[in-house]
């Protein structure tokens, strides 16, 4: 994989996500692919679970930017920005950690998503000066 290959895959992902093209999941991901939406939740496994997750955004409008941070062998890290405008305005900055199979499909997708207002420390104020509220302790 090189940067162009990675960005071709990312463009296909964006197109499929935007068009709610569940069939594209088979073109983009290997049959046994894992898709971790967060490092703290169990990964989705296989085409069916990934496709169901994509369907949750049906009708959403958004813009997306992406740039590769690192590409080494079959692994890549991509910096992604997503700006939803509907049904609700929301911004995300993501890092995607991708592992590719020989055929160019992703076998492992791990997302590290961030959005405005999260605290910078475990007990400190968020970006808007509000004190953080304790949340559930993740299972590790």
Protein backbone atom coordinates (compact mmCIF):
# COMPACT_ATOMS: atom_id res chain seq x y z
CA UNK A 1 0.00 0.00 0.00
CA UNK A 2 1.13 3.53 -0.68
CA UNK A 3 -0.47 6.90 0.10
CA UNK A 4 -2.40 6.96 -3.19
CA UNK A 5 -3.80 3.47 -2.55
CA UNK A 6 -4.88 4.49 0.96
CA UNK A 7 -6.56 7.68 -0.23
CA UNK A 8 -8.34 5.79 -3.04
CA UNK A 9 -9.75 3.47 -0.36
CA UNK A 10 -10.74 6.45 1.83
CA UNK A 11 -12.50 8.12 -1.13
CA UNK A 12 -14.44 4.89 -1.75
CA UNK A 13 -15.34 4.72 1.95
CA UNK A 14 -16.59 8.33 1.93
CA UNK A 15 -18.62 7.79 -1.25
CA UNK A 16 -20.21 4.61 0.11
CA UNK A 17 -20.95 6.21 3.50
CA UNK A 18 -22.44 9.32 1.88
CA UNK A 19 -24.62 7.21 -0.47
CA UNK A 20 -25.53 4.68 2.23
CA UNK A 21 -24.21 1.98 -0.09
CA UNK A 22 -24.26 -1.14 2.08
CA UNK A 23 -23.03 -3.22 -0.89
CA UNK A 24 -19.79 -1.22 -0.85
CA UNK A 25 -18.94 -2.76 2.52
CA UNK A 26 -18.04 -5.95 0.64
CA UNK A 27 -15.72 -4.01 -1.71
CA UNK A 28 -14.04 -2.06 1.09
CA UNK A 29 -13.73 -4.64 3.88
CA UNK A 30 -12.65 -8.28 4.00
CA UNK A 31 -15.31 -10.81 5.01
CA UNK A 32 -13.96 -11.15 8.53
CA UNK A 33 -13.05 -7.47 8.98
CA UNK A 34 -13.19 -5.88 12.40
CA UNK A 35 -14.43 -2.29 12.73
CA UNK A 36 -13.73 -0.67 16.11
CA UNK A 37 -15.71 2.56 16.47
CA UNK A 38 -13.79 3.29 19.66
CA UNK A 39 -10.90 1.67 21.48
CA UNK A 40 -13.33 1.15 24.40
CA UNK A 41 -16.14 -0.75 22.69
CA UNK A 42 -16.21 -4.18 21.08
CA UNK A 43 -15.47 -4.13 17.36
CA UNK A 44 -18.14 -4.82 14.78
CA UNK A 45 -17.31 -8.02 12.93
CA UNK A 46 -17.96 -8.77 9.29
CA UNK A 47 -19.94 -7.23 6.48
CA UNK A 48 -23.38 -7.47 8.06
CA UNK A 49 -22.49 -5.66 11.31
CA UNK A 50 -20.50 -2.96 9.50
CA UNK A 51 -23.34 -2.41 7.01
CA UNK A 52 -25.90 -2.08 9.80
CA UNK A 53 -23.72 0.53 11.49
CA UNK A 54 -23.48 2.56 8.27
CA UNK A 55 -27.26 2.49 7.88
CA UNK A 56 -27.58 4.52 11.11
CA UNK A 57 -26.32 7.61 9.23
CA UNK A 58 -28.81 7.35 6.39
CA UNK A 59 -30.02 10.82 5.43
CA UNK A 60 -27.19 12.62 7.24
CA UNK A 61 -25.39 15.36 5.36
CA UNK A 62 -21.74 16.01 6.04
CA UNK A 63 -18.44 17.13 4.63
CA UNK A 64 -15.27 15.16 5.15
CA UNK A 65 -11.55 15.82 4.85
CA UNK A 66 -8.83 13.20 5.05
CA UNK A 67 -5.06 13.05 4.84
CA UNK A 68 -2.67 10.18 5.41
CA UNK A 69 -0.41 10.59 8.43
CA UNK A 70 1.60 7.39 7.97
CA UNK A 71 1.67 4.45 5.60
CA UNK A 72 3.93 1.50 6.26
CA UNK A 73 3.43 -1.83 4.55
CA UNK A 74 -0.20 -2.84 5.02
CA UNK A 75 -0.87 -0.33 7.83
CA UNK A 76 -1.99 3.27 7.55
CA UNK A 77 -3.07 6.09 9.83
CA UNK A 78 -5.39 8.71 8.35
CA UNK A 79 -6.43 12.03 9.94
CA UNK A 80 -10.12 12.62 9.20
CA UNK A 81 -12.42 15.58 9.85
CA UNK A 82 -16.19 15.22 9.59
CA UNK A 83 -18.59 18.14 9.77
CA UNK A 84 -22.25 17.05 10.01
CA UNK A 85 -24.82 19.65 9.01
CA UNK A 86 -27.98 17.52 9.33
CA UNK A 87 -29.86 16.09 11.05
CA UNK A 88 -27.77 17.79 13.75
CA UNK A 89 -24.65 19.97 13.48
CA UNK A 90 -21.65 18.12 14.94
CA UNK A 91 -17.94 18.06 14.27
CA UNK A 92 -15.54 15.16 14.71
CA UNK A 93 -11.80 14.83 14.30
CA UNK A 94 -10.70 11.23 13.88
CA UNK A 95 -7.65 9.11 13.49
CA UNK A 96 -8.27 5.94 11.54
CA UNK A 97 -5.82 3.08 11.99
CA UNK A 98 -6.22 0.75 9.02
CA UNK A 99 -4.77 -2.63 8.14
CA UNK A 100 -5.14 -3.81 4.55
CA UNK A 101 -5.29 -7.28 3.02
CA UNK A 102 -3.37 -8.16 -0.16
CA UNK A 103 -6.50 -7.39 -2.22
CA UNK A 104 -6.68 -3.79 -0.95
CA UNK A 105 -9.64 -4.30 1.36
CA UNK A 106 -9.41 -3.38 5.04
CA UNK A 107 -9.17 -6.21 7.56
CA UNK A 108 -8.93 -4.01 10.67
CA UNK A 109 -10.45 -0.54 11.12
CA UNK A 110 -9.87 1.25 14.41
CA UNK A 111 -11.32 4.73 14.96
CA UNK A 112 -10.16 7.28 17.51
CA UNK A 113 -12.84 9.98 17.40
CA UNK A 114 -12.71 13.33 19.18
CA UNK A 115 -15.27 16.14 19.28
CA UNK A 116 -15.48 19.62 20.79
CA UNK A 117 -16.23 19.95 24.46
CA UNK A 118 -14.50 16.85 25.78
CA UNK A 119 -12.29 17.45 28.83
CA UNK A 120 -8.55 17.64 28.36
CA UNK A 121 -7.92 15.67 31.56
CA UNK A 122 -9.83 13.12 33.61
CA UNK A 123 -11.12 15.72 36.08
CA UNK A 124 -10.39 19.08 34.48
CA UNK A 125 -12.56 21.51 32.58
CA UNK A 126 -13.53 20.92 28.98
CA UNK A 127 -12.68 23.26 26.11
CA UNK A 128 -15.57 25.50 27.19
CA UNK A 129 -14.53 25.76 30.86
CA UNK A 130 -17.16 23.31 32.14
CA UNK A 131 -16.09 20.77 34.73
CA UNK A 132 -16.00 17.19 33.51
CA UNK A 133 -18.69 14.84 34.72
CA UNK A 134 -17.55 11.38 35.73
CA UNK A 135 -18.52 8.72 33.25
CA UNK A 136 -18.62 4.95 33.35
CA UNK A 137 -15.35 3.13 33.69
CA UNK A 138 -14.66 1.24 30.48
CA UNK A 139 -14.01 -2.48 30.57
CA UNK A 140 -10.51 -3.18 29.37
